[in-house]
Amino acid sequence: MEEAADGDWVVRRVTGSATGKTYRCPGCDQEIRPGTPHVVSWPAYARDSDLEPWDTDSAADWRRHWHAACWRARDRRR
């Protein structure tokens, strides 16, 4: 889990060999092509409470795939 100014996030690094789909990075709005290492993240807790974890069934709805550099720079984009 990563703690940041925009909340706590579950973050997973994805190797290029583990991807077979194209994703759109929310940081730069560019494609993340299959085979590209990147980051998958989702909020660790519900927005209205820092104590109640997300229901695991709905956590997938909040998952986003980011270029690693875009993820690291997200606080400078707002």
Foldseek 3Di string as FASTA:
>chain_A
DDQDPVADKDKDKDALVRFDDWFAAPQPRDIDHRSHIWMKMFHQDDPVDPPHGDDVVCRVVRIHTHHHVSVVCVVVVD
